[in-house]
Amino acid sequence: MNKSSQPRPMTDVQEIRRRARQHITQGAVTPGYEGDLETAIRLLNEALATELVCVLRYKHHYHAASGLQSESVAAEFAEHAREEEMHADQLATRIKQLGGNANFNPQGLLSRSHAEYHEGERLLDLIVEDLVAERIAIESYREMVHYFGDRDPTSRRLLEEILAKEEEHADDLANLLVTLDATEKPRKSA
């Protein structure tokens, strides 16, 4: 085993106790935090904005859904909106734990979000727009998971949990596309 792959030795318990008493107003952020707090808070706020945009889009799609197959699709939109809102709350909690401020300000929400807000007109268009947004979130969260790595395992695990749910959403939406009438073709997104 080479030197770089060897686990680091545990810090002396007395030293851990001593450091825990320093800067106690920083809460969960201890001297052992290895991430860059400013970058971590920025990335988590971008994830928060993404979730908020997704909540708004899913809510709109829930209310806009119409047509023969709209009832079950609308129910799926409503469920996804609730789960995205839960993700937003989890991200806001983590931002606060890191000493940051969760940015819920609607001004600039779209510029902070990785996902876009497209409404669509037909049921198939609504599903396509939501699926595209989920795929954007999946890619963004994968990159964030990689960034946080071992530097911030708590944020990494949170994002991994959210990522798993976003993958489930994408799978649900892809299945909805397959079950819709094959004659209804999606319009091209702008």
N, C-alpha and C. Protein backbone atom coordinates (compact mmCIF):
# COMPACT_ATOMS: atom_id res chain seq x y z
N MET A 1 0.85 -1.17 0.00
CA MET A 1 0.00 0.00 0.00
C MET A 1 0.89 1.24 0.00
N ASN A 2 0.62 2.15 -0.95
CA ASN A 2 1.46 3.35 -0.98
C ASN A 2 0.98 4.34 0.07
N LYS A 3 1.80 5.32 0.30
CA LYS A 3 1.55 6.28 1.38
C LYS A 3 0.25 7.06 1.19
N SER A 4 -0.09 7.43 -0.06
CA SER A 4 -1.28 8.25 -0.29
C SER A 4 -2.57 7.47 -0.10
N SER A 5 -2.54 6.13 -0.19
CA SER A 5 -3.78 5.36 -0.02
C SER A 5 -3.96 4.83 1.40
N GLN A 6 -3.01 5.11 2.27
CA GLN A 6 -3.14 4.68 3.65
C GLN A 6 -4.11 5.60 4.38
N PRO A 7 -4.98 5.02 5.22
CA PRO A 7 -5.89 5.88 5.99
C PRO A 7 -5.10 6.74 6.97
N ARG A 8 -5.61 7.93 7.22
CA ARG A 8 -4.92 8.78 8.18
C ARG A 8 -5.20 8.26 9.58
N PRO A 9 -4.24 8.45 10.44
CA PRO A 9 -4.45 8.00 11.82
C PRO A 9 -5.48 8.88 12.51
N MET A 10 -6.16 8.32 13.46
CA MET A 10 -7.15 9.08 14.23
C MET A 10 -6.43 10.13 15.08
N THR A 11 -7.06 11.27 15.18
CA THR A 11 -6.54 12.35 16.03
C THR A 11 -6.73 11.94 17.49
N ASP A 12 -5.81 12.32 18.30
CA ASP A 12 -5.89 12.05 19.74
C ASP A 12 -7.20 12.60 20.29
N VAL A 13 -7.90 11.82 21.09
CA VAL A 13 -9.19 12.20 21.65
C VAL A 13 -9.10 13.50 22.43
N GLN A 14 -8.03 13.70 23.17
CA GLN A 14 -7.87 14.95 23.92
C GLN A 14 -7.82 16.15 22.98
N GLU A 15 -7.17 15.98 21.83
CA GLU A 15 -7.09 17.06 20.84
C GLU A 15 -8.47 17.34 20.23
N ILE A 16 -9.22 16.30 19.94
CA ILE A 16 -10.58 16.46 19.41
C ILE A 16 -11.43 17.22 20.42
N ARG A 17 -11.32 16.86 21.67
CA ARG A 17 -12.08 17.54 22.73
C ARG A 17 -11.69 19.01 22.84
N ARG A 18 -10.40 19.28 22.75
CA ARG A 18 -9.92 20.66 22.85
C ARG A 18 -10.45 21.49 21.68
N ARG A 19 -10.35 20.95 20.46
CA ARG A 19 -10.81 21.68 19.27
C ARG A 19 -12.33 21.89 19.28
N ALA A 20 -13.07 20.94 19.84
CA ALA A 20 -14.53 21.05 19.88
C ALA A 20 -14.97 22.26 20.69
N ARG A 21 -14.17 22.67 21.66
CA ARG A 21 -14.51 23.81 22.50
C ARG A 21 -14.18 25.15 21.84
N GLN A 22 -13.39 25.11 20.79
CA GLN A 22 -13.05 26.33 20.07
C GLN A 22 -14.16 26.66 19.07
N HIS A 23 -14.44 27.90 18.90
CA HIS A 23 -15.37 28.37 17.87
C HIS A 23 -16.72 27.65 17.93
N ILE A 24 -17.25 27.47 19.13
CA ILE A 24 -18.48 26.69 19.28
C ILE A 24 -19.68 27.34 18.60
N THR A 25 -19.62 28.62 18.34
CA THR A 25 -20.74 29.26 17.65
C THR A 25 -20.84 28.85 16.18
N GLN A 26 -19.84 28.14 15.68
CA GLN A 26 -19.87 27.67 14.30
C GLN A 26 -20.65 26.36 14.16
N GLY A 27 -21.21 25.89 15.24
CA GLY A 27 -22.08 24.71 15.19
C GLY A 27 -21.41 23.49 14.58
N ALA A 28 -21.98 23.03 13.47
CA ALA A 28 -21.51 21.78 12.85
C ALA A 28 -20.17 21.94 12.13
N VAL A 29 -19.75 23.17 11.87
CA VAL A 29 -18.50 23.38 11.14
C VAL A 29 -17.35 23.38 12.14
N THR A 30 -16.66 22.28 12.17
CA THR A 30 -15.52 22.12 13.09
C THR A 30 -14.22 22.38 12.34
N PRO A 31 -13.11 22.49 13.05
CA PRO A 31 -11.83 22.70 12.37
C PRO A 31 -11.48 21.56 11.40
N GLY A 32 -12.11 20.41 11.55
CA GLY A 32 -11.84 19.30 10.66
C GLY A 32 -12.58 19.37 9.33
N TYR A 33 -13.45 20.37 9.15
CA TYR A 33 -14.17 20.50 7.89
C TYR A 33 -13.17 20.79 6.79
N GLU A 34 -13.15 19.97 5.77
CA GLU A 34 -12.12 20.07 4.73
C GLU A 34 -12.57 20.79 3.47
N GLY A 35 -13.85 21.12 3.39
CA GLY A 35 -14.34 21.79 2.19
C GLY A 35 -14.13 23.27 2.22
N ASP A 36 -14.41 23.91 1.11
CA ASP A 36 -14.40 25.36 1.02
C ASP A 36 -15.84 25.81 1.29
N LEU A 37 -16.06 26.44 2.43
CA LEU A 37 -17.42 26.80 2.85
C LEU A 37 -18.14 27.68 1.84
N GLU A 38 -17.45 28.65 1.31
CA GLU A 38 -18.08 29.57 0.36
C GLU A 38 -18.57 28.81 -0.89
N THR A 39 -17.73 27.94 -1.41
CA THR A 39 -18.12 27.15 -2.58
C THR A 39 -19.23 26.18 -2.23
N ALA A 40 -19.14 25.54 -1.07
CA ALA A 40 -20.17 24.59 -0.65
C ALA A 40 -21.53 25.27 -0.55
N ILE A 41 -21.56 26.43 0.06
CA ILE A 41 -22.82 27.17 0.23
C ILE A 41 -23.36 27.63 -1.12
N ARG A 42 -22.47 28.07 -2.00
CA ARG A 42 -22.91 28.49 -3.35
C ARG A 42 -23.52 27.32 -4.11
N LEU A 43 -22.85 26.18 -4.09
CA LEU A 43 -23.36 25.00 -4.81
C LEU A 43 -24.69 24.53 -4.22
N LEU A 44 -24.78 24.52 -2.90
CA LEU A 44 -26.03 24.09 -2.27
C LEU A 44 -27.16 25.08 -2.55
N ASN A 45 -26.84 26.37 -2.64
CA ASN A 45 -27.86 27.37 -3.00
C ASN A 45 -28.29 27.21 -4.46
N GLU A 46 -27.37 26.80 -5.33
CA GLU A 46 -27.74 26.52 -6.72
C GLU A 46 -28.67 25.30 -6.76
N ALA A 47 -28.36 24.29 -5.96
CA ALA A 47 -29.23 23.11 -5.88
C ALA A 47 -30.60 23.50 -5.32
N LEU A 48 -30.61 24.37 -4.31
CA LEU A 48 -31.86 24.86 -3.74
C LEU A 48 -32.69 25.57 -4.81
N ALA A 49 -32.07 26.46 -5.57
CA ALA A 49 -32.78 27.17 -6.63
C ALA A 49 -33.32 26.19 -7.67
N THR A 50 -32.55 25.17 -7.99
CA THR A 50 -32.99 24.16 -8.95
C THR A 50 -34.24 23.46 -8.44
N GLU A 51 -34.23 23.10 -7.16
CA GLU A 51 -35.40 22.43 -6.59
C GLU A 51 -36.62 23.34 -6.56
N LEU A 52 -36.41 24.62 -6.23
CA LEU A 52 -37.53 25.55 -6.19
C LEU A 52 -38.14 25.76 -7.57
N VAL A 53 -37.30 25.87 -8.60
CA VAL A 53 -37.80 26.00 -9.96
C VAL A 53 -38.57 24.74 -10.35
N CYS A 54 -38.07 23.60 -9.94
CA CYS A 54 -38.76 22.34 -10.25
C CYS A 54 -40.12 22.26 -9.54
N VAL A 55 -40.18 22.72 -8.30
CA VAL A 55 -41.47 22.75 -7.59
C VAL A 55 -42.47 23.60 -8.38
N LEU A 56 -42.04 24.78 -8.77
CA LEU A 56 -42.94 25.69 -9.49
C LEU A 56 -43.38 25.09 -10.83
N ARG A 57 -42.45 24.49 -11.55
CA ARG A 57 -42.78 23.90 -12.85
C ARG A 57 -43.74 22.73 -12.67
N TYR A 58 -43.46 21.84 -11.70
CA TYR A 58 -44.35 20.70 -11.45
C TYR A 58 -45.74 21.17 -11.01
N LYS A 59 -45.80 22.20 -10.17
CA LYS A 59 -47.09 22.73 -9.74
C LYS A 59 -47.88 23.26 -10.94
N HIS A 60 -47.20 24.02 -11.79
CA HIS A 60 -47.88 24.52 -12.99
C HIS A 60 -48.36 23.35 -13.85
N HIS A 61 -47.51 22.37 -14.05
CA HIS A 61 -47.88 21.23 -14.90
C HIS A 61 -49.03 20.44 -14.29
N TYR A 62 -49.06 20.35 -12.97
CA TYR A 62 -50.18 19.67 -12.29
C TYR A 62 -51.50 20.37 -12.65
N HIS A 63 -51.50 21.69 -12.58
CA HIS A 63 -52.73 22.44 -12.84
C HIS A 63 -53.02 22.57 -14.33
N ALA A 64 -52.00 22.48 -15.17
CA ALA A 64 -52.18 22.63 -16.62
C ALA A 64 -52.53 21.32 -17.31
N ALA A 65 -52.29 20.20 -16.67
CA ALA A 65 -52.51 18.89 -17.32
C ALA A 65 -53.97 18.73 -17.72
N SER A 66 -54.17 18.36 -18.97
CA SER A 66 -55.53 18.11 -19.44
C SER A 66 -55.48 17.02 -20.51
N GLY A 67 -56.61 16.41 -20.73
CA GLY A 67 -56.69 15.35 -21.73
C GLY A 67 -57.09 14.04 -21.10
N LEU A 68 -57.24 13.03 -21.94
CA LEU A 68 -57.74 11.73 -21.50
C LEU A 68 -56.88 11.09 -20.42
N GLN A 69 -55.59 11.22 -20.52
CA GLN A 69 -54.69 10.53 -19.59
C GLN A 69 -54.11 11.48 -18.53
N SER A 70 -54.72 12.63 -18.39
CA SER A 70 -54.13 13.66 -17.54
C SER A 70 -54.24 13.39 -16.04
N GLU A 71 -55.24 12.66 -15.61
CA GLU A 71 -55.44 12.47 -14.17
C GLU A 71 -54.24 11.78 -13.52
N SER A 72 -53.80 10.67 -14.09
CA SER A 72 -52.67 9.94 -13.49
C SER A 72 -51.36 10.72 -13.66
N VAL A 73 -51.22 11.40 -14.79
CA VAL A 73 -50.01 12.20 -15.01
C VAL A 73 -49.97 13.38 -14.03
N ALA A 74 -51.11 14.04 -13.85
CA ALA A 74 -51.18 15.16 -12.90
C ALA A 74 -50.84 14.69 -11.49
N ALA A 75 -51.31 13.51 -11.12
CA ALA A 75 -50.97 12.97 -9.79
C ALA A 75 -49.47 12.77 -9.65
N GLU A 76 -48.83 12.33 -10.71
CA GLU A 76 -47.37 12.16 -10.71
C GLU A 76 -46.68 13.51 -10.56
N PHE A 77 -47.17 14.52 -11.27
CA PHE A 77 -46.61 15.87 -11.15
C PHE A 77 -46.73 16.38 -9.71
N ALA A 78 -47.88 16.15 -9.09
CA ALA A 78 -48.10 16.62 -7.71
C ALA A 78 -47.14 15.92 -6.75
N GLU A 79 -46.97 14.63 -6.92
CA GLU A 79 -46.05 13.87 -6.06
C GLU A 79 -44.62 14.38 -6.22
N HIS A 80 -44.21 14.61 -7.46
CA HIS A 80 -42.85 15.11 -7.71
C HIS A 80 -42.67 16.49 -7.10
N ALA A 81 -43.69 17.34 -7.20
CA ALA A 81 -43.60 18.69 -6.61
C ALA A 81 -43.37 18.60 -5.10
N ARG A 82 -44.11 17.71 -4.43
CA ARG A 82 -43.94 17.54 -2.97
C ARG A 82 -42.52 17.07 -2.64
N GLU A 83 -42.01 16.13 -3.43
CA GLU A 83 -40.67 15.61 -3.16
C GLU A 83 -39.59 16.67 -3.44
N GLU A 84 -39.78 17.46 -4.48
CA GLU A 84 -38.82 18.53 -4.78
C GLU A 84 -38.83 19.58 -3.66
N GLU A 85 -40.01 19.86 -3.12
CA GLU A 85 -40.10 20.80 -2.00
C GLU A 85 -39.37 20.25 -0.77
N MET A 86 -39.49 18.96 -0.54
CA MET A 86 -38.76 18.33 0.56
C MET A 86 -37.25 18.45 0.34
N HIS A 87 -36.80 18.26 -0.90
CA HIS A 87 -35.37 18.42 -1.21
C HIS A 87 -34.92 19.84 -0.90
N ALA A 88 -35.75 20.82 -1.28
CA ALA A 88 -35.41 22.22 -1.03
C ALA A 88 -35.23 22.47 0.47
N ASP A 89 -36.13 21.91 1.27
CA ASP A 89 -36.02 22.07 2.73
C ASP A 89 -34.75 21.41 3.26
N GLN A 90 -34.42 20.23 2.75
CA GLN A 90 -33.20 19.54 3.20
C GLN A 90 -31.96 20.35 2.84
N LEU A 91 -31.94 20.90 1.64
CA LEU A 91 -30.80 21.71 1.21
C LEU A 91 -30.68 22.98 2.05
N ALA A 92 -31.81 23.63 2.32
CA ALA A 92 -31.80 24.84 3.15
C ALA A 92 -31.26 24.54 4.55
N THR A 93 -31.65 23.40 5.10
CA THR A 93 -31.16 23.00 6.42
C THR A 93 -29.65 22.81 6.39
N ARG A 94 -29.15 22.17 5.34
CA ARG A 94 -27.70 21.93 5.25
C ARG A 94 -26.95 23.25 5.09
N ILE A 95 -27.49 24.15 4.29
CA ILE A 95 -26.85 25.46 4.11
C ILE A 95 -26.73 26.17 5.46
N LYS A 96 -27.80 26.12 6.24
CA LYS A 96 -27.79 26.74 7.57
C LYS A 96 -26.75 26.07 8.47
N GLN A 97 -26.67 24.72 8.41
CA GLN A 97 -25.68 24.00 9.22
C GLN A 97 -24.26 24.46 8.91
N LEU A 98 -24.04 24.82 7.65
CA LEU A 98 -22.70 25.26 7.24
C LEU A 98 -22.48 26.75 7.51
N GLY A 99 -23.45 27.39 8.14
CA GLY A 99 -23.30 28.80 8.49
C GLY A 99 -23.71 29.75 7.38
N GLY A 100 -24.37 29.24 6.37
CA GLY A 100 -24.80 30.09 5.26
C GLY A 100 -26.26 30.48 5.38
N ASN A 101 -26.71 31.25 4.42
CA ASN A 101 -28.10 31.66 4.33
C ASN A 101 -28.71 31.02 3.09
N ALA A 102 -29.79 30.28 3.28
CA ALA A 102 -30.49 29.67 2.16
C ALA A 102 -31.16 30.79 1.37
N ASN A 103 -30.89 30.84 0.07
CA ASN A 103 -31.38 31.92 -0.78
C ASN A 103 -32.71 31.52 -1.42
N PHE A 104 -33.81 31.98 -0.82
CA PHE A 104 -35.15 31.74 -1.34
C PHE A 104 -35.66 32.94 -2.14
N ASN A 105 -34.83 33.95 -2.32
CA ASN A 105 -35.25 35.15 -3.01
C ASN A 105 -35.68 34.82 -4.43
N PRO A 106 -36.95 35.13 -4.79
CA PRO A 106 -37.40 34.80 -6.14
C PRO A 106 -36.66 35.59 -7.22
N GLN A 107 -36.13 36.76 -6.86
CA GLN A 107 -35.38 37.53 -7.84
C GLN A 107 -34.08 36.78 -8.13
N GLY A 108 -33.85 36.44 -9.37
CA GLY A 108 -32.64 35.73 -9.76
C GLY A 108 -32.74 34.22 -9.60
N LEU A 109 -33.90 33.72 -9.23
CA LEU A 109 -34.07 32.29 -9.01
C LEU A 109 -33.66 31.48 -10.24
N LEU A 110 -34.12 31.90 -11.41
CA LEU A 110 -33.79 31.16 -12.63
C LEU A 110 -32.31 31.23 -12.97
N SER A 111 -31.65 32.32 -12.63
CA SER A 111 -30.22 32.42 -12.93
C SER A 111 -29.39 31.55 -11.98
N ARG A 112 -29.91 31.28 -10.80
CA ARG A 112 -29.20 30.41 -9.85
C ARG A 112 -29.50 28.93 -10.12
N SER A 113 -30.64 28.65 -10.71
CA SER A 113 -31.08 27.28 -10.94
C SER A 113 -30.35 26.65 -12.12
N HIS A 114 -30.07 25.38 -12.02
CA HIS A 114 -29.51 24.66 -13.16
C HIS A 114 -30.63 24.27 -14.12
N ALA A 115 -31.82 24.01 -13.60
CA ALA A 115 -32.96 23.64 -14.43
C ALA A 115 -33.62 24.90 -14.97
N GLU A 116 -34.29 24.74 -16.09
CA GLU A 116 -35.02 25.84 -16.70
C GLU A 116 -36.50 25.71 -16.35
N TYR A 117 -37.23 26.75 -16.64
CA TYR A 117 -38.67 26.74 -16.40
C TYR A 117 -39.37 26.85 -17.74
N HIS A 118 -39.84 25.72 -18.26
CA HIS A 118 -40.62 25.68 -19.49
C HIS A 118 -41.98 25.10 -19.13
N GLU A 119 -43.02 25.75 -19.58
CA GLU A 119 -44.36 25.32 -19.22
C GLU A 119 -44.89 24.22 -20.13
N GLY A 120 -44.78 24.37 -21.42
CA GLY A 120 -45.36 23.41 -22.35
C GLY A 120 -46.85 23.63 -22.50
N GLU A 121 -47.44 23.02 -23.52
CA GLU A 121 -48.87 23.18 -23.77
C GLU A 121 -49.61 21.85 -23.67
N ARG A 122 -49.16 20.87 -24.40
CA ARG A 122 -49.83 19.57 -24.40
C ARG A 122 -49.26 18.69 -23.29
N LEU A 123 -49.99 17.68 -22.92
CA LEU A 123 -49.58 16.78 -21.84
C LEU A 123 -48.20 16.20 -22.12
N LEU A 124 -47.97 15.76 -23.34
CA LEU A 124 -46.68 15.19 -23.69
C LEU A 124 -45.56 16.22 -23.54
N ASP A 125 -45.84 17.47 -23.92
CA ASP A 125 -44.84 18.53 -23.77
C ASP A 125 -44.48 18.76 -22.30
N LEU A 126 -45.50 18.70 -21.44
CA LEU A 126 -45.26 18.88 -20.00
C LEU A 126 -44.32 17.80 -19.48
N ILE A 127 -44.59 16.56 -19.87
CA ILE A 127 -43.75 15.44 -19.42
C ILE A 127 -42.33 15.61 -19.94
N VAL A 128 -42.20 15.97 -21.22
CA VAL A 128 -40.86 16.15 -21.79
C VAL A 128 -40.09 17.22 -21.05
N GLU A 129 -40.72 18.36 -20.77
CA GLU A 129 -40.02 19.44 -20.07
C GLU A 129 -39.58 19.01 -18.67
N ASP A 130 -40.43 18.25 -17.98
CA ASP A 130 -40.05 17.76 -16.65
C ASP A 130 -38.93 16.74 -16.74
N LEU A 131 -38.97 15.90 -17.74
CA LEU A 131 -37.91 14.89 -17.91
C LEU A 131 -36.58 15.57 -18.22
N VAL A 132 -36.59 16.57 -19.08
CA VAL A 132 -35.36 17.32 -19.38
C VAL A 132 -34.80 17.94 -18.11
N ALA A 133 -35.68 18.56 -17.31
CA ALA A 133 -35.23 19.20 -16.07
C ALA A 133 -34.64 18.17 -15.11
N GLU A 134 -35.25 17.00 -15.02
CA GLU A 134 -34.72 15.95 -14.14
C GLU A 134 -33.35 15.49 -14.63
N ARG A 135 -33.18 15.38 -15.93
CA ARG A 135 -31.89 14.96 -16.48
C ARG A 135 -30.81 16.01 -16.20
N ILE A 136 -31.19 17.29 -16.25
CA ILE A 136 -30.25 18.36 -15.90
C ILE A 136 -29.87 18.24 -14.43
N ALA A 137 -30.86 18.04 -13.57
CA ALA A 137 -30.58 17.90 -12.13
C ALA A 137 -29.68 16.70 -11.87
N ILE A 138 -29.93 15.60 -12.55
CA ILE A 138 -29.12 14.39 -12.36
C ILE A 138 -27.66 14.68 -12.68
N GLU A 139 -27.41 15.31 -13.82
CA GLU A 139 -26.02 15.62 -14.19
C GLU A 139 -25.39 16.60 -13.20
N SER A 140 -26.13 17.63 -12.83
CA SER A 140 -25.60 18.63 -11.88
C SER A 140 -25.28 17.99 -10.54
N TYR A 141 -26.19 17.19 -10.03
CA TYR A 141 -25.99 16.57 -8.72
C TYR A 141 -24.86 15.56 -8.75
N ARG A 142 -24.70 14.85 -9.85
CA ARG A 142 -23.56 13.92 -9.96
C ARG A 142 -22.25 14.68 -9.83
N GLU A 143 -22.18 15.83 -10.52
CA GLU A 143 -20.95 16.63 -10.43
C GLU A 143 -20.75 17.17 -9.02
N MET A 144 -21.83 17.59 -8.37
CA MET A 144 -21.70 18.10 -7.00
C MET A 144 -21.27 16.99 -6.05
N VAL A 145 -21.82 15.80 -6.21
CA VAL A 145 -21.43 14.66 -5.38
C VAL A 145 -19.93 14.44 -5.52
N HIS A 146 -19.46 14.47 -6.75
CA HIS A 146 -18.02 14.28 -7.00
C HIS A 146 -17.21 15.40 -6.35
N TYR A 147 -17.69 16.64 -6.47
CA TYR A 147 -16.98 17.77 -5.87
C TYR A 147 -16.87 17.61 -4.36
N PHE A 148 -17.99 17.30 -3.69
CA PHE A 148 -17.97 17.21 -2.23
C PHE A 148 -17.15 16.03 -1.75
N GLY A 149 -17.22 14.91 -2.46
CA GLY A 149 -16.40 13.74 -2.15
C GLY A 149 -16.20 13.52 -0.67
N ASP A 150 -14.95 13.39 -0.28
CA ASP A 150 -14.60 13.18 1.13
C ASP A 150 -14.42 14.50 1.88
N ARG A 151 -14.43 15.64 1.16
CA ARG A 151 -14.26 16.94 1.81
C ARG A 151 -15.45 17.29 2.70
N ASP A 152 -16.64 16.87 2.25
CA ASP A 152 -17.87 17.18 2.97
C ASP A 152 -18.83 16.01 2.77
N PRO A 153 -18.59 14.92 3.52
CA PRO A 153 -19.41 13.72 3.32
C PRO A 153 -20.89 13.92 3.65
N THR A 154 -21.22 14.83 4.53
CA THR A 154 -22.63 15.06 4.87
C THR A 154 -23.37 15.67 3.67
N SER A 155 -22.79 16.70 3.07
CA SER A 155 -23.41 17.30 1.89
C SER A 155 -23.43 16.29 0.74
N ARG A 156 -22.36 15.53 0.60
CA ARG A 156 -22.31 14.51 -0.46
C ARG A 156 -23.45 13.51 -0.29
N ARG A 157 -23.65 13.00 0.93
CA ARG A 157 -24.71 12.01 1.16
C ARG A 157 -26.09 12.60 0.91
N LEU A 158 -26.30 13.84 1.33
CA LEU A 158 -27.58 14.50 1.06
C LEU A 158 -27.83 14.57 -0.44
N LEU A 159 -26.82 15.00 -1.18
CA LEU A 159 -26.97 15.10 -2.63
C LEU A 159 -27.14 13.73 -3.28
N GLU A 160 -26.49 12.72 -2.73
CA GLU A 160 -26.68 11.36 -3.25
C GLU A 160 -28.12 10.90 -3.06
N GLU A 161 -28.70 11.21 -1.90
CA GLU A 161 -30.11 10.86 -1.65
C GLU A 161 -31.04 11.59 -2.61
N ILE A 162 -30.79 12.88 -2.80
CA ILE A 162 -31.61 13.65 -3.73
C ILE A 162 -31.41 13.14 -5.15
N LEU A 163 -30.18 12.86 -5.52
CA LEU A 163 -29.87 12.32 -6.84
C LEU A 163 -30.65 11.03 -7.11
N ALA A 164 -30.69 10.15 -6.15
CA ALA A 164 -31.43 8.89 -6.31
C ALA A 164 -32.91 9.16 -6.58
N LYS A 165 -33.48 10.14 -5.90
CA LYS A 165 -34.89 10.49 -6.10
C LYS A 165 -35.08 11.13 -7.47
N GLU A 166 -34.13 11.96 -7.90
CA GLU A 166 -34.23 12.58 -9.23
C GLU A 166 -34.15 11.51 -10.32
N GLU A 167 -33.32 10.50 -10.12
CA GLU A 167 -33.25 9.40 -11.09
C GLU A 167 -34.57 8.64 -11.13
N GLU A 168 -35.19 8.47 -9.97
CA GLU A 168 -36.51 7.83 -9.91
C GLU A 168 -37.55 8.67 -10.65
N HIS A 169 -37.51 9.99 -10.47
CA HIS A 169 -38.42 10.89 -11.18
C HIS A 169 -38.23 10.75 -12.69
N ALA A 170 -36.98 10.76 -13.13
CA ALA A 170 -36.70 10.64 -14.57
C ALA A 170 -37.23 9.32 -15.11
N ASP A 171 -37.06 8.27 -14.36
CA ASP A 171 -37.56 6.96 -14.78
C ASP A 171 -39.09 6.98 -14.86
N ASP A 172 -39.75 7.57 -13.86
CA ASP A 172 -41.21 7.70 -13.87
C ASP A 172 -41.68 8.45 -15.12
N LEU A 173 -41.02 9.56 -15.42
CA LEU A 173 -41.42 10.39 -16.55
C LEU A 173 -41.15 9.69 -17.88
N ALA A 174 -40.03 8.99 -17.96
CA ALA A 174 -39.73 8.24 -19.19
C ALA A 174 -40.80 7.16 -19.41
N ASN A 175 -41.22 6.52 -18.34
CA ASN A 175 -42.28 5.51 -18.45
C ASN A 175 -43.61 6.14 -18.87
N LEU A 176 -43.90 7.35 -18.38
CA LEU A 176 -45.11 8.05 -18.81
C LEU A 176 -45.08 8.35 -20.30
N LEU A 177 -43.91 8.72 -20.81
CA LEU A 177 -43.79 9.00 -22.24
C LEU A 177 -44.15 7.77 -23.06
N VAL A 178 -43.68 6.62 -22.61
CA VAL A 178 -43.93 5.37 -23.32
C VAL A 178 -45.41 5.00 -23.30
N THR A 179 -46.08 5.27 -22.19
CA THR A 179 -47.47 4.86 -22.06
C THR A 179 -48.45 5.78 -22.76
N LEU A 180 -48.03 7.01 -23.09
CA LEU A 180 -48.93 7.94 -23.77
C LEU A 180 -49.17 7.48 -25.21
N ASP A 181 -50.24 7.93 -25.75
CA ASP A 181 -50.60 7.62 -27.12
C ASP A 181 -49.44 7.92 -28.06
N ALA A 182 -49.01 6.93 -28.81
CA ALA A 182 -47.86 7.07 -29.70
C ALA A 182 -48.12 8.09 -30.81
N THR A 183 -49.36 8.44 -31.05
CA THR A 183 -49.65 9.41 -32.10
C THR A 183 -49.40 10.83 -31.65
N GLU A 184 -49.32 11.05 -30.35
CA GLU A 184 -49.04 12.39 -29.85
C GLU A 184 -47.54 12.57 -29.76
N LYS A 185 -46.97 13.30 -30.68
CA LYS A 185 -45.54 13.52 -30.74
C LYS A 185 -45.17 14.80 -30.01
N PRO A 186 -44.06 14.81 -29.27
CA PRO A 186 -43.67 16.04 -28.56
C PRO A 186 -43.24 17.12 -29.55
N ARG A 187 -43.50 18.34 -29.20
CA ARG A 187 -43.01 19.46 -30.00
C ARG A 187 -41.57 19.72 -29.63
N LYS A 188 -40.82 20.26 -30.53
CA LYS A 188 -39.43 20.58 -30.27
C LYS A 188 -39.34 21.72 -29.26
N SER A 189 -38.44 21.57 -28.26
CA SER A 189 -38.21 22.64 -27.28
C SER A 189 -37.41 23.75 -27.93
N ALA A 190 -37.66 24.96 -27.46
CA ALA A 190 -36.91 26.12 -27.99
C ALA A 190 -35.53 26.15 -27.41
